C-alpha cells in the first residue's frame, strides 16, 4: 500500500493527472512503497498517513517515474555528455527512514 496518492505524485512531478497516466503513477508509488517496507523492517505496519513515509514515497515515486529517461543507468545531455546514475539509488532514502525502522537484523 502506497503512502502517497497519485494526486500528490502528479503535483510533485508537475504533470496533469489523467486517466492515461494514473496507472503508471500508481505503479511508481507502489514500487516505492515496497522499497520503504523492505527498508524499515517493521513488525507492525507503518501508519498510512505517516509524514516521513509520505515524503519518501513521493521522492522515490518521482525517481521511478523518471527512470524511463535513464535507461541502462545513464542520462544523456547534449551539453555535458552522459551522466551515470548511482548504483544504490534507494540508499539515501533508507537512511531517511531510519526513525521508522524497528528491527536491525540482530536476533
PDB file of N, CA and C in Angstrom:
ATOM      1  N   UNK A   1       0.846  -1.181   0.000  1.00  0.00           N
ATOM      2  CA  UNK A   1       0.000   0.000   0.000  1.00  0.00           C
ATOM      3  C   UNK A   1       0.889   1.241   0.000  1.00  0.00           C
ATOM      4  N   UNK A   2       0.646   2.131  -0.926  1.00  0.00           N
ATOM      5  CA  UNK A   2       1.436   3.351  -1.047  1.00  0.00           C
ATOM      6  C   UNK A   2       1.107   4.325   0.094  1.00  0.00           C
ATOM      7  N   UNK A   3       2.075   5.150   0.412  1.00  0.00           N
ATOM      8  CA  UNK A   3       1.935   6.138   1.481  1.00  0.00           C
ATOM      9  C   UNK A   3       1.661   7.535   0.923  1.00  0.00           C
ATOM     10  N   UNK A   4       1.388   7.602  -0.364  1.00  0.00           N
ATOM     11  CA  UNK A   4       1.068   8.862  -1.034  1.00  0.00           C
ATOM     12  C   UNK A   4       0.019   8.562  -2.102  1.00  0.00           C
ATOM     13  N   UNK A   5      -0.591   9.601  -2.604  1.00  0.00           N
ATOM     14  CA  UNK A   5      -1.636   9.425  -3.619  1.00  0.00           C
ATOM     15  C   UNK A   5      -1.113   9.822  -4.996  1.00  0.00           C
ATOM     16  N   UNK A   6      -1.806   9.351  -6.017  1.00  0.00           N
ATOM     17  CA  UNK A   6      -1.418   9.737  -7.380  1.00  0.00           C
ATOM     18  C   UNK A   6      -1.575  11.240  -7.585  1.00  0.00           C
ATOM     19  N   UNK A   7      -2.517  11.856  -6.899  1.00  0.00           N
ATOM     20  CA  UNK A   7      -2.669  13.313  -6.984  1.00  0.00           C
ATOM     21  C   UNK A   7      -1.410  14.007  -6.459  1.00  0.00           C
ATOM     22  N   UNK A   8      -0.889  13.508  -5.333  1.00  0.00           N
ATOM     23  CA  UNK A   8       0.329  14.096  -4.762  1.00  0.00           C
ATOM     24  C   UNK A   8       1.526  13.885  -5.683  1.00  0.00           C
ATOM     25  N   UNK A   9       1.630  12.697  -6.271  1.00  0.00           N
ATOM     26  CA  UNK A   9       2.749  12.419  -7.157  1.00  0.00           C
ATOM     27  C   UNK A   9       2.662  13.271  -8.426  1.00  0.00           C
ATOM     28  N   UNK A  10       1.479  13.397  -8.990  1.00  0.00           N
ATOM     29  CA  UNK A  10       1.323  14.241 -10.174  1.00  0.00           C
ATOM     30  C   UNK A  10       1.720  15.681  -9.862  1.00  0.00           C
ATOM     31  N   UNK A  11       1.342  16.176  -8.694  1.00  0.00           N
ATOM     32  CA  UNK A  11       1.718  17.535  -8.292  1.00  0.00           C
ATOM     33  C   UNK A  11       3.235  17.648  -8.128  1.00  0.00           C
ATOM     34  N   UNK A  12       3.861  16.634  -7.523  1.00  0.00           N
ATOM     35  CA  UNK A  12       5.311  16.657  -7.346  1.00  0.00           C
ATOM     36  C   UNK A  12       6.037  16.632  -8.684  1.00  0.00           C
ATOM     37  N   UNK A  13       5.465  15.937  -9.645  1.00  0.00           N
ATOM     38  CA  UNK A  13       6.055  15.859 -10.978  1.00  0.00           C
ATOM     39  C   UNK A  13       5.678  17.044 -11.866  1.00  0.00           C
ATOM     40  N   UNK A  14       4.711  17.812 -11.394  1.00  0.00           N
ATOM     41  CA  UNK A  14       4.177  18.941 -12.167  1.00  0.00           C
ATOM     42  C   UNK A  14       3.599  18.478 -13.511  1.00  0.00           C
ATOM     43  N   UNK A  15       2.831  17.369 -13.423  1.00  0.00           N
ATOM     44  CA  UNK A  15       2.132  16.853 -14.591  1.00  0.00           C
ATOM     45  C   UNK A  15       0.636  16.825 -14.293  1.00  0.00           C
ATOM     46  N   UNK A  16      -0.140  16.874 -15.332  1.00  0.00           N
ATOM     47  CA  UNK A  16      -1.592  16.782 -15.218  1.00  0.00           C
ATOM     48  C   UNK A  16      -1.972  15.329 -14.972  1.00  0.00           C
ATOM     49  N   UNK A  17      -2.774  15.071 -13.961  1.00  0.00           N
ATOM     50  CA  UNK A  17      -3.264  13.725 -13.697  1.00  0.00           C
ATOM     51  C   UNK A  17      -4.355  13.405 -14.705  1.00  0.00           C
ATOM     52  N   UNK A  18      -4.183  12.314 -15.447  1.00  0.00           N
ATOM     53  CA  UNK A  18      -5.160  11.900 -16.445  1.00  0.00           C
ATOM     54  C   UNK A  18      -5.488  10.433 -16.256  1.00  0.00           C
ATOM     55  N   UNK A  19      -6.524   9.995 -16.911  1.00  0.00           N
ATOM     56  CA  UNK A  19      -6.867   8.568 -16.869  1.00  0.00           C
ATOM     57  C   UNK A  19      -5.751   7.743 -17.502  1.00  0.00           C
ATOM     58  N   UNK A  20      -5.046   8.320 -18.457  1.00  0.00           N
ATOM     59  CA  UNK A  20      -3.973   7.611 -19.139  1.00  0.00           C
ATOM     60  C   UNK A  20      -2.720   7.417 -18.300  1.00  0.00           C
ATOM     61  N   UNK A  21      -2.386   8.395 -17.449  1.00  0.00           N
ATOM     62  CA  UNK A  21      -1.144   8.262 -16.679  1.00  0.00           C
ATOM     63  C   UNK A  21      -1.357   7.789 -15.238  1.00  0.00           C
ATOM     64  N   UNK A  22      -2.602   7.704 -14.801  1.00  0.00           N
ATOM     65  CA  UNK A  22      -2.879   7.280 -13.431  1.00  0.00           C
ATOM     66  C   UNK A  22      -2.313   5.899 -13.104  1.00  0.00           C
ATOM     67  N   UNK A  23      -2.491   4.880 -13.975  1.00  0.00           N
ATOM     68  CA  UNK A  23      -1.923   3.563 -13.629  1.00  0.00           C
ATOM     69  C   UNK A  23      -0.397   3.589 -13.487  1.00  0.00           C
ATOM     70  N   UNK A  24       0.291   4.321 -14.334  1.00  0.00           N
ATOM     71  CA  UNK A  24       1.753   4.393 -14.245  1.00  0.00           C
ATOM     72  C   UNK A  24       2.188   5.135 -12.988  1.00  0.00           C
ATOM     73  N   UNK A  25       1.488   6.197 -12.645  1.00  0.00           N
ATOM     74  CA  UNK A  25       1.793   6.925 -11.418  1.00  0.00           C
ATOM     75  C   UNK A  25       1.600   6.028 -10.198  1.00  0.00           C
ATOM     76  N   UNK A  26       0.519   5.269 -10.181  1.00  0.00           N
ATOM     77  CA  UNK A  26       0.255   4.365  -9.064  1.00  0.00           C
ATOM     78  C   UNK A  26       1.328   3.287  -8.973  1.00  0.00           C
ATOM     79  N   UNK A  27       1.766   2.766 -10.113  1.00  0.00           N
ATOM     80  CA  UNK A  27       2.821   1.754 -10.126  1.00  0.00           C
ATOM     81  C   UNK A  27       4.110   2.300  -9.527  1.00  0.00           C
ATOM     82  N   UNK A  28       4.444   3.536  -9.834  1.00  0.00           N
ATOM     83  CA  UNK A  28       5.643   4.166  -9.273  1.00  0.00           C
ATOM     84  C   UNK A  28       5.527   4.290  -7.755  1.00  0.00           C
ATOM     85  N   UNK A  29       4.365   4.696  -7.275  1.00  0.00           N
ATOM     86  CA  UNK A  29       4.150   4.797  -5.829  1.00  0.00           C
ATOM     87  C   UNK A  29       4.207   3.426  -5.161  1.00  0.00           C
ATOM     88  N   UNK A  30       3.611   2.431  -5.800  1.00  0.00           N
ATOM     89  CA  UNK A  30       3.599   1.084  -5.226  1.00  0.00           C
ATOM     90  C   UNK A  30       5.015   0.503  -5.159  1.00  0.00           C
ATOM     91  N   UNK A  31       5.812   0.718  -6.202  1.00  0.00           N
ATOM     92  CA  UNK A  31       7.191   0.233  -6.207  1.00  0.00           C
ATOM     93  C   UNK A  31       7.980   0.897  -5.075  1.00  0.00           C
ATOM     94  N   UNK A  32       7.788   2.190  -4.903  1.00  0.00           N
ATOM     95  CA  UNK A  32       8.473   2.908  -3.828  1.00  0.00           C
ATOM     96  C   UNK A  32       8.012   2.405  -2.458  1.00  0.00           C
ATOM     97  N   UNK A  33       6.741   2.106  -2.319  1.00  0.00           N
ATOM     98  CA  UNK A  33       6.222   1.608  -1.037  1.00  0.00           C
ATOM     99  C   UNK A  33       6.807   0.248  -0.693  1.00  0.00           C
ATOM    100  N   UNK A  34       7.011  -0.604  -1.683  1.00  0.00           N
ATOM    101  CA  UNK A  34       7.643  -1.901  -1.441  1.00  0.00           C
ATOM    102  C   UNK A  34       9.062  -1.685  -0.919  1.00  0.00           C
ATOM    103  N   UNK A  35       9.782  -0.747  -1.518  1.00  0.00           N
ATOM    104  CA  UNK A  35      11.139  -0.446  -1.053  1.00  0.00           C
ATOM    105  C   UNK A  35      11.126   0.101   0.376  1.00  0.00           C
ATOM    106  N   UNK A  36      10.166   0.962   0.661  1.00  0.00           N
ATOM    107  CA  UNK A  36      10.045   1.531   2.005  1.00  0.00           C
ATOM    108  C   UNK A  36       9.798   0.425   3.024  1.00  0.00           C
ATOM    109  N   UNK A  37       8.834  -0.437   2.749  1.00  0.00           N
ATOM    110  CA  UNK A  37       8.502  -1.514   3.677  1.00  0.00           C
ATOM    111  C   UNK A  37       9.695  -2.441   3.903  1.00  0.00           C
ATOM    112  N   UNK A  38      10.452  -2.698   2.859  1.00  0.00           N
ATOM    113  CA  UNK A  38      11.628  -3.549   2.988  1.00  0.00           C
ATOM    114  C   UNK A  38      12.705  -2.866   3.835  1.00  0.00           C
ATOM    115  N   UNK A  39      12.895  -1.577   3.640  1.00  0.00           N
ATOM    116  CA  UNK A  39      13.954  -0.843   4.337  1.00  0.00           C
ATOM    117  C   UNK A  39      13.689  -0.705   5.835  1.00  0.00           C
ATOM    118  N   UNK A  40      12.435  -0.558   6.216  1.00  0.00           N
ATOM    119  CA  UNK A  40      12.152  -0.301   7.632  1.00  0.00           C
ATOM    120  C   UNK A  40      12.018  -1.579   8.457  1.00  0.00           C
ATOM    121  N   UNK A  41      11.761  -2.699   7.822  1.00  0.00           N
ATOM    122  CA  UNK A  41      11.742  -4.000   8.507  1.00  0.00           C
ATOM    123  C   UNK A  41      10.977  -3.919   9.827  1.00  0.00           C
ATOM    124  N   UNK A  42       9.684  -3.640   9.723  1.00  0.00           N
ATOM    125  CA  UNK A  42       8.855  -3.449  10.916  1.00  0.00           C
ATOM    126  C   UNK A  42       8.056  -4.690  11.254  1.00  0.00           C
ATOM    127  N   UNK A  43       7.724  -4.816  12.531  1.00  0.00           N
ATOM    128  CA  UNK A  43       6.839  -5.886  12.980  1.00  0.00           C
ATOM    129  C   UNK A  43       5.378  -5.469  12.861  1.00  0.00           C
ATOM    130  N   UNK A  44       5.112  -4.169  12.910  1.00  0.00           N
ATOM    131  CA  UNK A  44       3.761  -3.660  12.700  1.00  0.00           C
ATOM    132  C   UNK A  44       3.811  -2.656  11.544  1.00  0.00           C
ATOM    133  N   UNK A  45       2.721  -2.511  10.815  1.00  0.00           N
ATOM    134  CA  UNK A  45       2.736  -1.662   9.620  1.00  0.00           C
ATOM    135  C   UNK A  45       2.945  -0.178   9.942  1.00  0.00           C
ATOM    136  N   UNK A  46       3.507   0.521   8.975  1.00  0.00           N
ATOM    137  CA  UNK A  46       3.632   1.973   9.077  1.00  0.00           C
ATOM    138  C   UNK A  46       2.232   2.560   8.919  1.00  0.00           C
ATOM    139  N   UNK A  47       1.846   3.516   9.743  1.00  0.00           N
ATOM    140  CA  UNK A  47       0.540   4.153   9.537  1.00  0.00           C
ATOM    141  C   UNK A  47       0.468   4.753   8.124  1.00  0.00           C
ATOM    142  N   UNK A  48      -0.633   4.561   7.427  1.00  0.00           N
ATOM    143  CA  UNK A  48      -0.728   5.012   6.036  1.00  0.00           C
ATOM    144  C   UNK A  48      -0.566   6.525   5.856  1.00  0.00           C
ATOM    145  N   UNK A  49      -0.778   7.296   6.912  1.00  0.00           N
ATOM    146  CA  UNK A  49      -0.672   8.748   6.813  1.00  0.00           C
ATOM    147  C   UNK A  49       0.607   9.289   7.450  1.00  0.00           C
ATOM    148  N   UNK A  50       1.606   8.421   7.661  1.00  0.00           N
ATOM    149  CA  UNK A  50       2.846   8.862   8.311  1.00  0.00           C
ATOM    150  C   UNK A  50       3.578   9.846   7.395  1.00  0.00           C
ATOM    151  N   UNK A  51       3.920  11.044   7.894  1.00  0.00           N
ATOM    152  CA  UNK A  51       4.511  12.072   7.033  1.00  0.00           C
ATOM    153  C   UNK A  51       5.882  11.703   6.458  1.00  0.00           C
ATOM    154  N   UNK A  52       6.698  10.995   7.202  1.00  0.00           N
ATOM    155  CA  UNK A  52       8.013  10.617   6.683  1.00  0.00           C
ATOM    156  C   UNK A  52       7.876   9.593   5.563  1.00  0.00           C
ATOM    157  N   UNK A  53       7.029   8.610   5.754  1.00  0.00           N
ATOM    158  CA  UNK A  53       6.774   7.619   4.710  1.00  0.00           C
ATOM    159  C   UNK A  53       6.177   8.288   3.476  1.00  0.00           C
ATOM    160  N   UNK A  54       5.309   9.266   3.680  1.00  0.00           N
ATOM    161  CA  UNK A  54       4.711  10.002   2.572  1.00  0.00           C
ATOM    162  C   UNK A  54       5.775  10.712   1.741  1.00  0.00           C
ATOM    163  N   UNK A  55       6.675  11.417   2.411  1.00  0.00           N
ATOM    164  CA  UNK A  55       7.706  12.176   1.693  1.00  0.00           C
ATOM    165  C   UNK A  55       8.630  11.261   0.902  1.00  0.00           C
ATOM    166  N   UNK A  56       9.073  10.170   1.541  1.00  0.00           N
ATOM    167  CA  UNK A  56       9.972   9.244   0.845  1.00  0.00           C
ATOM    168  C   UNK A  56       9.226   8.573  -0.305  1.00  0.00           C
ATOM    169  N   UNK A  57       7.966   8.234  -0.106  1.00  0.00           N
ATOM    170  CA  UNK A  57       7.174   7.619  -1.170  1.00  0.00           C
ATOM    171  C   UNK A  57       7.075   8.560  -2.371  1.00  0.00           C
ATOM    172  N   UNK A  58       6.855   9.834  -2.116  1.00  0.00           N
ATOM    173  CA  UNK A  58       6.783  10.803  -3.214  1.00  0.00           C
ATOM    174  C   UNK A  58       8.137  11.000  -3.896  1.00  0.00           C
ATOM    175  N   UNK A  59       9.186  11.176  -3.106  1.00  0.00           N
ATOM    176  CA  UNK A  59      10.509  11.386  -3.695  1.00  0.00           C
ATOM    177  C   UNK A  59      10.942  10.189  -4.532  1.00  0.00           C
ATOM    178  N   UNK A  60      10.749   8.993  -3.988  1.00  0.00           N
ATOM    179  CA  UNK A  60      11.143   7.797  -4.729  1.00  0.00           C
ATOM    180  C   UNK A  60      10.200   7.554  -5.903  1.00  0.00           C
ATOM    181  N   UNK A  61       8.921   7.898  -5.739  1.00  0.00           N
ATOM    182  CA  UNK A  61       7.978   7.785  -6.852  1.00  0.00           C
ATOM    183  C   UNK A  61       8.386   8.655  -8.028  1.00  0.00           C
ATOM    184  N   UNK A  62       8.875   9.854  -7.737  1.00  0.00           N
ATOM    185  CA  UNK A  62       9.384  10.740  -8.791  1.00  0.00           C
ATOM    186  C   UNK A  62      10.556  10.063  -9.504  1.00  0.00           C
ATOM    187  N   UNK A  63      11.451   9.464  -8.728  1.00  0.00           N
ATOM    188  CA  UNK A  63      12.598   8.788  -9.340  1.00  0.00           C
ATOM    189  C   UNK A  63      12.157   7.622 -10.224  1.00  0.00           C
ATOM    190  N   UNK A  64      11.179   6.842  -9.744  1.00  0.00           N
ATOM    191  CA  UNK A  64      10.674   5.738 -10.565  1.00  0.00           C
ATOM    192  C   UNK A  64      10.040   6.266 -11.848  1.00  0.00           C
ATOM    193  N   UNK A  65       9.286   7.346 -11.763  1.00  0.00           N
ATOM    194  CA  UNK A  65       8.644   7.933 -12.937  1.00  0.00           C
ATOM    195  C   UNK A  65       9.693   8.345 -13.972  1.00  0.00           C
ATOM    196  N   UNK A  66      10.767   8.941 -13.500  1.00  0.00           N
ATOM    197  CA  UNK A  66      11.801   9.444 -14.403  1.00  0.00           C
ATOM    198  C   UNK A  66      12.807   8.373 -14.815  1.00  0.00           C
ATOM    199  N   UNK A  67      12.703   7.181 -14.242  1.00  0.00           N
ATOM    200  CA  UNK A  67      13.646   6.108 -14.553  1.00  0.00           C
ATOM    201  C   UNK A  67      13.643   5.738 -16.033  1.00  0.00           C
ATOM    202  N   UNK A  68      12.520   5.886 -16.696  1.00  0.00           N
ATOM    203  CA  UNK A  68      12.470   5.573 -18.134  1.00  0.00           C
ATOM    204  C   UNK A  68      13.387   6.483 -18.937  1.00  0.00           C
ATOM    205  N   UNK A  69      13.659   7.664 -18.413  1.00  0.00           N
ATOM    206  CA  UNK A  69      14.562   8.591 -19.096  1.00  0.00           C
ATOM    207  C   UNK A  69      16.019   8.240 -18.848  1.00  0.00           C
ATOM    208  N   UNK A  70      16.263   7.301 -17.964  1.00  0.00           N
ATOM    209  CA  UNK A  70      17.627   6.922 -17.607  1.00  0.00           C
ATOM    210  C   UNK A  70      17.861   5.436 -17.884  1.00  0.00           C
ATOM    211  N   UNK A  71      17.449   5.003 -19.061  1.00  0.00           N
ATOM    212  CA  UNK A  71      17.631   3.599 -19.423  1.00  0.00           C
ATOM    213  C   UNK A  71      19.106   3.215 -19.323  1.00  0.00           C
ATOM    214  N   UNK A  72      19.356   2.034 -18.825  1.00  0.00           N
ATOM    215  CA  UNK A  72      20.713   1.492 -18.676  1.00  0.00           C
ATOM    216  C   UNK A  72      21.562   2.298 -17.703  1.00  0.00           C
ATOM    217  N   UNK A  73      20.918   3.049 -16.792  1.00  0.00           N
ATOM    218  CA  UNK A  73      21.642   3.739 -15.743  1.00  0.00           C
ATOM    219  C   UNK A  73      22.384   4.979 -16.172  1.00  0.00           C
ATOM    220  N   UNK A  74      21.964   5.594 -17.265  1.00  0.00           N
ATOM    221  CA  UNK A  74      22.659   6.794 -17.719  1.00  0.00           C
ATOM    222  C   UNK A  74      21.666   7.800 -18.277  1.00  0.00           C
ATOM    223  N   UNK A  75      21.968   9.057 -18.053  1.00  0.00           N
ATOM    224  CA  UNK A  75      21.196  10.153 -18.629  1.00  0.00           C
ATOM    225  C   UNK A  75      22.085  10.872 -19.633  1.00  0.00           C
ATOM    226  N   UNK A  76      21.572  11.128 -20.800  1.00  0.00           N
ATOM    227  CA  UNK A  76      22.369  11.826 -21.801  1.00  0.00           C
ATOM    228  C   UNK A  76      21.976  13.286 -21.906  1.00  0.00           C
ATOM    229  N   UNK A  77      22.975  14.141 -21.917  1.00  0.00           N
ATOM    230  CA  UNK A  77      22.740  15.564 -22.048  1.00  0.00           C
ATOM    231  C   UNK A  77      23.627  16.107 -23.161  1.00  0.00           C
ATOM    232  N   UNK A  78      23.049  16.853 -24.043  1.00  0.00           N
ATOM    233  CA  UNK A  78      23.757  17.367 -25.206  1.00  0.00           C
ATOM    234  C   UNK A  78      24.967  18.217 -24.820  1.00  0.00           C
ATOM    235  N   UNK A  79      24.833  19.070 -23.820  1.00  0.00           N
ATOM    236  CA  UNK A  79      25.909  19.993 -23.472  1.00  0.00           C
ATOM    237  C   UNK A  79      27.005  19.388 -22.606  1.00  0.00           C
ATOM    238  N   UNK A  80      26.653  18.392 -21.788  1.00  0.00           N
ATOM    239  CA  UNK A  80      27.651  17.894 -20.831  1.00  0.00           C
ATOM    240  C   UNK A  80      27.988  16.424 -20.994  1.00  0.00           C
ATOM    241  N   UNK A  81      27.357  15.732 -21.901  1.00  0.00           N
ATOM    242  CA  UNK A  81      27.644  14.318 -22.092  1.00  0.00           C
ATOM    243  C   UNK A  81      26.772  13.431 -21.222  1.00  0.00           C
ATOM    244  N   UNK A  82      27.154  12.173 -21.112  1.00  0.00           N
ATOM    245  CA  UNK A  82      26.362  11.182 -20.383  1.00  0.00           C
ATOM    246  C   UNK A  82      26.706  11.220 -18.895  1.00  0.00           C
ATOM    247  N   UNK A  83      25.672  11.242 -18.069  1.00  0.00           N
ATOM    248  CA  UNK A  83      25.834  11.165 -16.620  1.00  0.00           C
ATOM    249  C   UNK A  83      25.400   9.776 -16.164  1.00  0.00           C
ATOM    250  N   UNK A  84      26.221   9.110 -15.375  1.00  0.00           N
ATOM    251  CA  UNK A  84      25.884   7.801 -14.813  1.00  0.00           C
ATOM    252  C   UNK A  84      25.110   7.993 -13.512  1.00  0.00           C
ATOM    253  N   UNK A  85      24.082   7.183 -13.340  1.00  0.00           N
ATOM    254  CA  UNK A  85      23.296   7.227 -12.109  1.00  0.00           C
ATOM    255  C   UNK A  85      23.989   6.412 -11.031  1.00  0.00           C
ATOM    256  N   UNK A  86      23.813   6.779  -9.754  1.00  0.00           N
ATOM    257  CA  UNK A  86      24.402   5.968  -8.687  1.00  0.00           C
ATOM    258  C   UNK A  86      23.795   4.572  -8.666  1.00  0.00           C
ATOM    259  N   UNK A  87      24.589   3.591  -8.253  1.00  0.00           N
ATOM    260  CA  UNK A  87      24.102   2.203  -8.252  1.00  0.00           C
ATOM    261  C   UNK A  87      23.100   1.941  -7.149  1.00  0.00           C
ATOM    262  N   UNK A  88      23.284   2.514  -5.992  1.00  0.00           N
ATOM    263  CA  UNK A  88      22.386   2.299  -4.857  1.00  0.00           C
ATOM    264  C   UNK A  88      21.453   3.501  -4.749  1.00  0.00           C
ATOM    265  N   UNK A  89      20.487   3.566  -5.625  1.00  0.00           N
ATOM    266  CA  UNK A  89      19.635   4.754  -5.693  1.00  0.00           C
ATOM    267  C   UNK A  89      18.680   4.886  -4.521  1.00  0.00           C
ATOM    268  N   UNK A  90      18.405   3.796  -3.787  1.00  0.00           N
ATOM    269  CA  UNK A  90      17.487   3.888  -2.660  1.00  0.00           C
ATOM    270  C   UNK A  90      18.204   4.120  -1.338  1.00  0.00           C
ATOM    271  N   UNK A  91      19.519   4.001  -1.310  1.00  0.00           N
ATOM    272  CA  UNK A  91      20.272   4.050  -0.052  1.00  0.00           C
ATOM    273  C   UNK A  91      20.007   5.329   0.736  1.00  0.00           C
ATOM    274  N   UNK A  92      19.974   6.467   0.073  1.00  0.00           N
ATOM    275  CA  UNK A  92      19.753   7.718   0.814  1.00  0.00           C
ATOM    276  C   UNK A  92      18.350   7.785   1.391  1.00  0.00           C
ATOM    277  N   UNK A  93      17.396   7.179   0.710  1.00  0.00           N
ATOM    278  CA  UNK A  93      16.034   7.129   1.244  1.00  0.00           C
ATOM    279  C   UNK A  93      15.967   6.207   2.461  1.00  0.00           C
ATOM    280  N   UNK A  94      16.694   5.105   2.414  1.00  0.00           N
ATOM    281  CA  UNK A  94      16.716   4.171   3.538  1.00  0.00           C
ATOM    282  C   UNK A  94      17.247   4.859   4.786  1.00  0.00           C
ATOM    283  N   UNK A  95      18.237   5.711   4.631  1.00  0.00           N
ATOM    284  CA  UNK A  95      18.771   6.457   5.779  1.00  0.00           C
ATOM    285  C   UNK A  95      17.698   7.397   6.326  1.00  0.00           C
ATOM    286  N   UNK A  96      16.971   8.039   5.452  1.00  0.00           N
ATOM    287  CA  UNK A  96      15.889   8.934   5.873  1.00  0.00           C
ATOM    288  C   UNK A  96      14.840   8.188   6.685  1.00  0.00           C
ATOM    289  N   UNK A  97      14.604   6.936   6.344  1.00  0.00           N
ATOM    290  CA  UNK A  97      13.575   6.126   7.001  1.00  0.00           C
ATOM    291  C   UNK A  97      14.025   5.520   8.326  1.00  0.00           C
ATOM    292  N   UNK A  98      15.257   5.747   8.738  1.00  0.00           N
ATOM    293  CA  UNK A  98      15.790   5.146   9.968  1.00  0.00           C
ATOM    294  C   UNK A  98      14.862   5.314  11.178  1.00  0.00           C
ATOM    295  N   UNK A  99      14.228   6.472  11.393  1.00  0.00           N
ATOM    296  CA  UNK A  99      13.340   6.591  12.562  1.00  0.00           C
ATOM    297  C   UNK A  99      12.154   5.617  12.555  1.00  0.00           C
ATOM    298  N   UNK A 100      11.799   5.097  11.387  1.00  0.00           N
ATOM    299  CA  UNK A 100      10.676   4.165  11.300  1.00  0.00           C
ATOM    300  C   UNK A 100      11.099   2.713  11.459  1.00  0.00           C
ATOM    301  N   UNK A 101      12.383   2.470  11.443  1.00  0.00           N
ATOM    302  CA  UNK A 101      12.885   1.101  11.496  1.00  0.00           C
ATOM    303  C   UNK A 101      12.684   0.505  12.886  1.00  0.00           C
ATOM    304  N   UNK A 102      12.276  -0.779  12.930  1.00  0.00           N
ATOM    305  CA  UNK A 102      12.047  -1.455  14.200  1.00  0.00           C
ATOM    306  C   UNK A 102      13.023  -2.586  14.453  1.00  0.00           C
ATOM    307  N   UNK A 103      13.451  -3.264  13.403  1.00  0.00           N
ATOM    308  CA  UNK A 103      14.362  -4.389  13.585  1.00  0.00           C
ATOM    309  C   UNK A 103      15.657  -4.077  12.845  1.00  0.00           C
ATOM    310  N   UNK A 104      16.753  -4.586  13.357  1.00  0.00           N
ATOM    311  CA  UNK A 104      18.069  -4.276  12.800  1.00  0.00           C
ATOM    312  C   UNK A 104      18.832  -5.515  12.383  1.00  0.00           C
ATOM    313  N   UNK A 105      18.147  -6.629  12.157  1.00  0.00           N
ATOM    314  CA  UNK A 105      18.798  -7.846  11.706  1.00  0.00           C
ATOM    315  C   UNK A 105      19.587  -8.566  12.791  1.00  0.00           C
ATOM    316  N   UNK A 106      19.352  -8.206  14.026  1.00  0.00           N
ATOM    317  CA  UNK A 106      20.039  -8.849  15.143  1.00  0.00           C
ATOM    318  C   UNK A 106      19.007  -9.691  15.896  1.00  0.00           C
ATOM    319  N   UNK A 107      19.298 -10.960  16.016  1.00  0.00           N
ATOM    320  CA  UNK A 107      18.341 -11.837  16.704  1.00  0.00           C
ATOM    321  C   UNK A 107      18.671 -12.000  18.162  1.00  0.00           C
TER     322      UNK A 107
END
